[in-house]
PDB file of N, CA and C in Angstrom:
ATOM      1  N   MET A   1      -9.173  24.390  -1.281  1.00  0.00           N
ATOM      2  CA  MET A   1      -9.080  23.129  -1.034  1.00  0.00           C
ATOM      3  C   MET A   1      -7.644  22.933  -1.322  1.00  0.00           C
ATOM      4  N   SER A   2      -6.757  22.576  -0.070  1.00  0.00           N
ATOM      5  CA  SER A   2      -5.367  22.138  -0.587  1.00  0.00           C
ATOM      6  C   SER A   2      -5.415  20.719  -0.406  1.00  0.00           C
ATOM      7  N   ILE A   3      -4.609  20.109  -1.356  1.00  0.00           N
ATOM      8  CA  ILE A   3      -4.296  18.739  -1.431  1.00  0.00           C
ATOM      9  C   ILE A   3      -3.080  18.407  -0.885  1.00  0.00           C
ATOM     10  N   GLY A   4      -2.984  17.464   0.124  1.00  0.00           N
ATOM     11  CA  GLY A   4      -1.754  16.966   0.725  1.00  0.00           C
ATOM     12  C   GLY A   4      -0.856  16.182  -0.229  1.00  0.00           C
ATOM     13  N   TYR A   5       0.121  16.862  -0.915  1.00  0.00           N
ATOM     14  CA  TYR A   5       0.947  16.289  -2.016  1.00  0.00           C
ATOM     15  C   TYR A   5       1.972  15.374  -1.230  1.00  0.00           C
ATOM     16  N   LYS A   6       2.185  15.664   0.046  1.00  0.00           N
ATOM     17  CA  LYS A   6       3.164  14.686   0.700  1.00  0.00           C
ATOM     18  C   LYS A   6       2.763  13.394   0.800  1.00  0.00           C
ATOM     19  N   TYR A   7       1.609  13.078   0.716  1.00  0.00           N
ATOM     20  CA  TYR A   7       1.142  11.772   0.946  1.00  0.00           C
ATOM     21  C   TYR A   7       0.936  10.736  -0.390  1.00  0.00           C
ATOM     22  N   ILE A   8       1.375  11.511  -1.492  1.00  0.00           N
ATOM     23  CA  ILE A   8       1.363  10.856  -2.707  1.00  0.00           C
ATOM     24  C   ILE A   8       2.406   9.660  -2.735  1.00  0.00           C
ATOM     25  N   GLY A   9       3.538   9.827  -2.030  1.00  0.00           N
ATOM     26  CA  GLY A   9       4.652   8.826  -1.996  1.00  0.00           C
ATOM     27  C   GLY A   9       4.113   7.754  -1.252  1.00  0.00           C
ATOM     28  N   LEU A  10       3.084   7.835  -0.099  1.00  0.00           N
ATOM     29  CA  LEU A  10       2.563   6.746   0.530  1.00  0.00           C
ATOM     30  C   LEU A  10       1.527   5.978  -0.349  1.00  0.00           C
ATOM     31  N   ILE A  11       1.005   6.684  -1.302  1.00  0.00           N
ATOM     32  CA  ILE A  11      -0.009   6.008  -2.227  1.00  0.00           C
ATOM     33  C   ILE A  11       0.863   5.122  -3.133  1.00  0.00           C
ATOM     34  N   MET A  12       1.956   5.730  -3.607  1.00  0.00           N
ATOM     35  CA  MET A  12       2.865   4.940  -4.671  1.00  0.00           C
ATOM     36  C   MET A  12       3.471   3.866  -3.980  1.00  0.00           C
ATOM     37  N   ALA A  13       3.977   3.864  -2.749  1.00  0.00           N
ATOM     38  CA  ALA A  13       4.730   2.831  -1.978  1.00  0.00           C
ATOM     39  C   ALA A  13       3.412   1.675  -1.843  1.00  0.00           C
ATOM     40  N   GLY A  14       2.369   2.113  -1.533  1.00  0.00           N
ATOM     41  CA  GLY A  14       1.409   0.987  -1.295  1.00  0.00           C
ATOM     42  C   GLY A  14       1.091   0.221  -2.771  1.00  0.00           C
ATOM     43  N   LEU A  15       0.958   1.033  -3.691  1.00  0.00           N
ATOM     44  CA  LEU A  15       0.789   0.398  -4.792  1.00  0.00           C
ATOM     45  C   LEU A  15       1.807  -0.501  -5.389  1.00  0.00           C
ATOM     46  N   ALA A  16       3.088   0.008  -5.267  1.00  0.00           N
ATOM     47  CA  ALA A  16       4.268  -0.805  -5.521  1.00  0.00           C
ATOM     48  C   ALA A  16       4.215  -2.020  -4.719  1.00  0.00           C
ATOM     49  N   ALA A  17       3.850  -2.138  -3.474  1.00  0.00           N
ATOM     50  CA  ALA A  17       3.703  -3.262  -2.488  1.00  0.00           C
ATOM     51  C   ALA A  17       2.708  -4.195  -3.068  1.00  0.00           C
ATOM     52  N   ILE A  18       1.597  -3.743  -3.552  1.00  0.00           N
ATOM     53  CA  ILE A  18       0.486  -4.516  -4.006  1.00  0.00           C
ATOM     54  C   ILE A  18       0.824  -5.102  -5.353  1.00  0.00           C
ATOM     55  N   CYS A  19       1.552  -4.443  -6.300  1.00  0.00           N
ATOM     56  CA  CYS A  19       1.913  -4.919  -7.505  1.00  0.00           C
ATOM     57  C   CYS A  19       2.852  -6.025  -7.479  1.00  0.00           C
ATOM     58  N   TRP A  20       3.979  -5.881  -6.343  1.00  0.00           N
ATOM     59  CA  TRP A  20       4.864  -6.971  -6.224  1.00  0.00           C
ATOM     60  C   TRP A  20       4.495  -8.048  -5.372  1.00  0.00           C
ATOM     61  N   GLY A  21       3.664  -7.781  -4.509  1.00  0.00           N
ATOM     62  CA  GLY A  21       3.182  -8.941  -3.671  1.00  0.00           C
ATOM     63  C   GLY A  21       2.058 -10.000  -4.178  1.00  0.00           C
ATOM     64  N   LEU A  22       1.136  -9.336  -4.997  1.00  0.00           N
ATOM     65  CA  LEU A  22       0.171 -10.281  -5.515  1.00  0.00           C
ATOM     66  C   LEU A  22       0.845 -11.425  -6.274  1.00  0.00           C
ATOM     67  N   PRO A  23       1.485 -11.197  -7.282  1.00  0.00           N
ATOM     68  CA  PRO A  23       2.239 -12.376  -8.006  1.00  0.00           C
ATOM     69  C   PRO A  23       3.158 -13.126  -7.164  1.00  0.00           C
ATOM     70  N   ALA A  24       3.884 -12.357  -6.380  1.00  0.00           N
ATOM     71  CA  ALA A  24       4.876 -13.075  -5.648  1.00  0.00           C
ATOM     72  C   ALA A  24       4.069 -14.086  -4.496  1.00  0.00           C
ATOM     73  N   SER A  25       3.114 -13.683  -3.918  1.00  0.00           N
ATOM     74  CA  SER A  25       2.277 -14.589  -3.019  1.00  0.00           C
ATOM     75  C   SER A  25       1.787 -15.872  -3.636  1.00  0.00           C
ATOM     76  N   HIS A  26       1.726 -15.891  -4.989  1.00  0.00           N
ATOM     77  CA  HIS A  26       1.296 -17.128  -5.648  1.00  0.00           C
ATOM     78  C   HIS A  26       2.758 -17.753  -6.351  1.00  0.00           C
ATOM     79  N   ARG A  27       3.760 -17.087  -6.385  1.00  0.00           N
ATOM     80  CA  ARG A  27       4.929 -17.623  -7.089  1.00  0.00           C
ATOM     81  C   ARG A  27       5.978 -18.341  -6.060  1.00  0.00           C
ATOM     82  N   LEU A  28       6.096 -17.686  -4.947  1.00  0.00           N
ATOM     83  CA  LEU A  28       6.903 -18.216  -3.934  1.00  0.00           C
ATOM     84  C   LEU A  28       6.467 -19.543  -3.026  1.00  0.00           C
ATOM     85  N   LYS A  29       7.421 -20.175  -2.479  1.00  0.00           N
ATOM     86  CA  LYS A  29       7.173 -21.402  -1.712  1.00  0.00           C
ATOM     87  C   LYS A  29       6.524 -21.102  -0.396  1.00  0.00           C
ATOM     88  N   PHE A  30       6.172 -22.090   0.165  1.00  0.00           N
ATOM     89  CA  PHE A  30       5.378 -21.938   1.662  1.00  0.00           C
ATOM     90  C   PHE A  30       5.681 -20.937   2.567  1.00  0.00           C
ATOM     91  N   PRO A  31       6.816 -20.780   3.076  1.00  0.00           N
ATOM     92  CA  PRO A  31       6.904 -19.849   4.207  1.00  0.00           C
ATOM     93  C   PRO A  31       7.160 -18.385   3.598  1.00  0.00           C
ATOM     94  N   PHE A  32       7.457 -18.217   2.496  1.00  0.00           N
ATOM     95  CA  PHE A  32       7.624 -17.041   1.842  1.00  0.00           C
ATOM     96  C   PHE A  32       6.596 -16.326   1.266  1.00  0.00           C
ATOM     97  N   ASP A  33       5.324 -17.342   0.935  1.00  0.00           N
ATOM     98  CA  ASP A  33       4.212 -16.676   0.472  1.00  0.00           C
ATOM     99  C   ASP A  33       3.426 -15.971   1.527  1.00  0.00           C
ATOM    100  N   ILE A  34       3.685 -16.310   2.653  1.00  0.00           N
ATOM    101  CA  ILE A  34       2.871 -15.667   3.794  1.00  0.00           C
ATOM    102  C   ILE A  34       3.402 -14.210   4.024  1.00  0.00           C
ATOM    103  N   GLY A  35       4.646 -14.064   3.981  1.00  0.00           N
ATOM    104  CA  GLY A  35       5.292 -12.646   3.913  1.00  0.00           C
ATOM    105  C   GLY A  35       4.888 -11.857   2.796  1.00  0.00           C
ATOM    106  N   ALA A  36       4.785 -12.281   1.508  1.00  0.00           N
ATOM    107  CA  ALA A  36       4.213 -11.641   0.526  1.00  0.00           C
ATOM    108  C   ALA A  36       2.805 -11.184   0.680  1.00  0.00           C
ATOM    109  N   ALA A  37       1.975 -12.224   1.121  1.00  0.00           N
ATOM    110  CA  ALA A  37       0.502 -11.843   1.319  1.00  0.00           C
ATOM    111  C   ALA A  37       0.514 -10.593   2.476  1.00  0.00           C
ATOM    112  N   LEU A  38       1.509 -10.698   3.374  1.00  0.00           N
ATOM    113  CA  LEU A  38       1.361  -9.678   4.426  1.00  0.00           C
ATOM    114  C   LEU A  38       1.884  -8.282   4.004  1.00  0.00           C
ATOM    115  N   ILE A  39       2.643  -8.476   2.991  1.00  0.00           N
ATOM    116  CA  ILE A  39       3.311  -7.136   2.263  1.00  0.00           C
ATOM    117  C   ILE A  39       2.124  -6.465   1.453  1.00  0.00           C
ATOM    118  N   VAL A  40       1.119  -7.426   0.768  1.00  0.00           N
ATOM    119  CA  VAL A  40       0.148  -6.939   0.147  1.00  0.00           C
ATOM    120  C   VAL A  40      -0.923  -6.284   0.964  1.00  0.00           C
ATOM    121  N   LEU A  41      -1.081  -6.864   2.100  1.00  0.00           N
ATOM    122  CA  LEU A  41      -1.983  -6.271   3.079  1.00  0.00           C
ATOM    123  C   LEU A  41      -1.546  -4.962   3.695  1.00  0.00           C
ATOM    124  N   ALA A  42      -0.238  -4.945   3.734  1.00  0.00           N
ATOM    125  CA  ALA A  42       0.245  -3.548   4.317  1.00  0.00           C
ATOM    126  C   ALA A  42       0.282  -2.616   3.324  1.00  0.00           C
ATOM    127  N   GLY A  43       0.525  -3.069   2.043  1.00  0.00           N
ATOM    128  CA  GLY A  43       0.235  -2.232   0.912  1.00  0.00           C
ATOM    129  C   GLY A  43      -1.163  -1.493   0.569  1.00  0.00           C
ATOM    130  N   VAL A  44      -2.151  -2.235   1.066  1.00  0.00           N
ATOM    131  CA  VAL A  44      -3.380  -1.989   0.761  1.00  0.00           C
ATOM    132  C   VAL A  44      -3.723  -0.913   1.948  1.00  0.00           C
ATOM    133  N   ILE A  45      -3.277  -1.219   3.174  1.00  0.00           N
ATOM    134  CA  ILE A  45      -3.476  -0.237   4.203  1.00  0.00           C
ATOM    135  C   ILE A  45      -2.741   1.168   3.931  1.00  0.00           C
ATOM    136  N   ALA A  46      -1.456   1.091   3.542  1.00  0.00           N
ATOM    137  CA  ALA A  46      -0.737   2.240   3.125  1.00  0.00           C
ATOM    138  C   ALA A  46      -1.389   3.008   2.149  1.00  0.00           C
ATOM    139  N   MET A  47      -1.982   2.481   0.987  1.00  0.00           N
ATOM    140  CA  MET A  47      -2.411   3.047  -0.179  1.00  0.00           C
ATOM    141  C   MET A  47      -3.854   3.713   0.326  1.00  0.00           C
ATOM    142  N   THR A  48      -4.702   3.087   1.123  1.00  0.00           N
ATOM    143  CA  THR A  48      -5.991   3.606   1.578  1.00  0.00           C
ATOM    144  C   THR A  48      -5.490   4.950   2.617  1.00  0.00           C
ATOM    145  N   LEU A  49      -4.709   4.690   3.400  1.00  0.00           N
ATOM    146  CA  LEU A  49      -4.270   5.867   4.194  1.00  0.00           C
ATOM    147  C   LEU A  49      -3.748   6.961   3.484  1.00  0.00           C
ATOM    148  N   GLY A  50      -2.992   6.821   2.379  1.00  0.00           N
ATOM    149  CA  GLY A  50      -2.459   7.875   1.548  1.00  0.00           C
ATOM    150  C   GLY A  50      -3.582   8.583   0.911  1.00  0.00           C
ATOM    151  N   VAL A  51      -4.583   7.785   0.455  1.00  0.00           N
ATOM    152  CA  VAL A  51      -5.609   8.381  -0.383  1.00  0.00           C
ATOM    153  C   VAL A  51      -6.544   9.295   0.403  1.00  0.00           C
ATOM    154  N   LEU A  52      -6.786   8.600   1.582  1.00  0.00           N
ATOM    155  CA  LEU A  52      -7.653   9.366   2.680  1.00  0.00           C
ATOM    156  C   LEU A  52      -6.840  10.758   3.221  1.00  0.00           C
ATOM    157  N   LEU A  53      -5.585  10.529   3.338  1.00  0.00           N
ATOM    158  CA  LEU A  53      -4.970  11.809   3.756  1.00  0.00           C
ATOM    159  C   LEU A  53      -4.676  12.755   2.755  1.00  0.00           C
ATOM    160  N   THR A  54      -4.705  12.294   1.463  1.00  0.00           N
ATOM    161  CA  THR A  54      -4.646  13.339   0.323  1.00  0.00           C
ATOM    162  C   THR A  54      -5.779  14.030   0.101  1.00  0.00           C
ATOM    163  N   CYS A  55      -7.131  13.219   0.197  1.00  0.00           N
ATOM    164  CA  CYS A  55      -8.230  13.958  -0.292  1.00  0.00           C
ATOM    165  C   CYS A  55      -8.769  14.605   1.072  1.00  0.00           C
ATOM    166  N   ILE A  56      -8.512  14.167   2.364  1.00  0.00           N
ATOM    167  CA  ILE A  56      -9.064  14.971   3.519  1.00  0.00           C
ATOM    168  C   ILE A  56      -7.789  15.200   4.368  1.00  0.00           C
ATOM    169  N   PRO A  57      -7.067  16.200   4.309  1.00  0.00           N
ATOM    170  CA  PRO A  57      -5.812  16.453   4.948  1.00  0.00           C
ATOM    171  C   PRO A  57      -6.039  16.442   6.641  1.00  0.00           C
ATOM    172  N   GLY A  58      -7.073  17.072   7.076  1.00  0.00           N
ATOM    173  CA  GLY A  58      -7.168  16.978   8.417  1.00  0.00           C
ATOM    174  C   GLY A  58      -8.114  15.902   9.021  1.00  0.00           C
ATOM    175  N   PHE A  59      -7.961  14.832   8.412  1.00  0.00           N
ATOM    176  CA  PHE A  59      -8.939  13.676   8.847  1.00  0.00           C
ATOM    177  C   PHE A  59      -8.549  13.179  10.258  1.00  0.00           C
ATOM    178  N   PHE A  60      -7.278  12.937  10.450  1.00  0.00           N
ATOM    179  CA  PHE A  60      -6.893  12.554  11.897  1.00  0.00           C
ATOM    180  C   PHE A  60      -6.702  13.776  12.598  1.00  0.00           C
TER     181      PHE A  60
END
């Protein structure tokens, strides 16, 4: 079984987006908190996709 190591960067980028966006969405004022929440959503999607492609390389 080969692990797709090239997708680990996608996992790390998603995790970084989540770690930055969760506190920022509560700290920032009104128009900017929406952007931070969308970054968290994109981070969750990126991290899930990275984990999926790392564990099952031929999924798509």
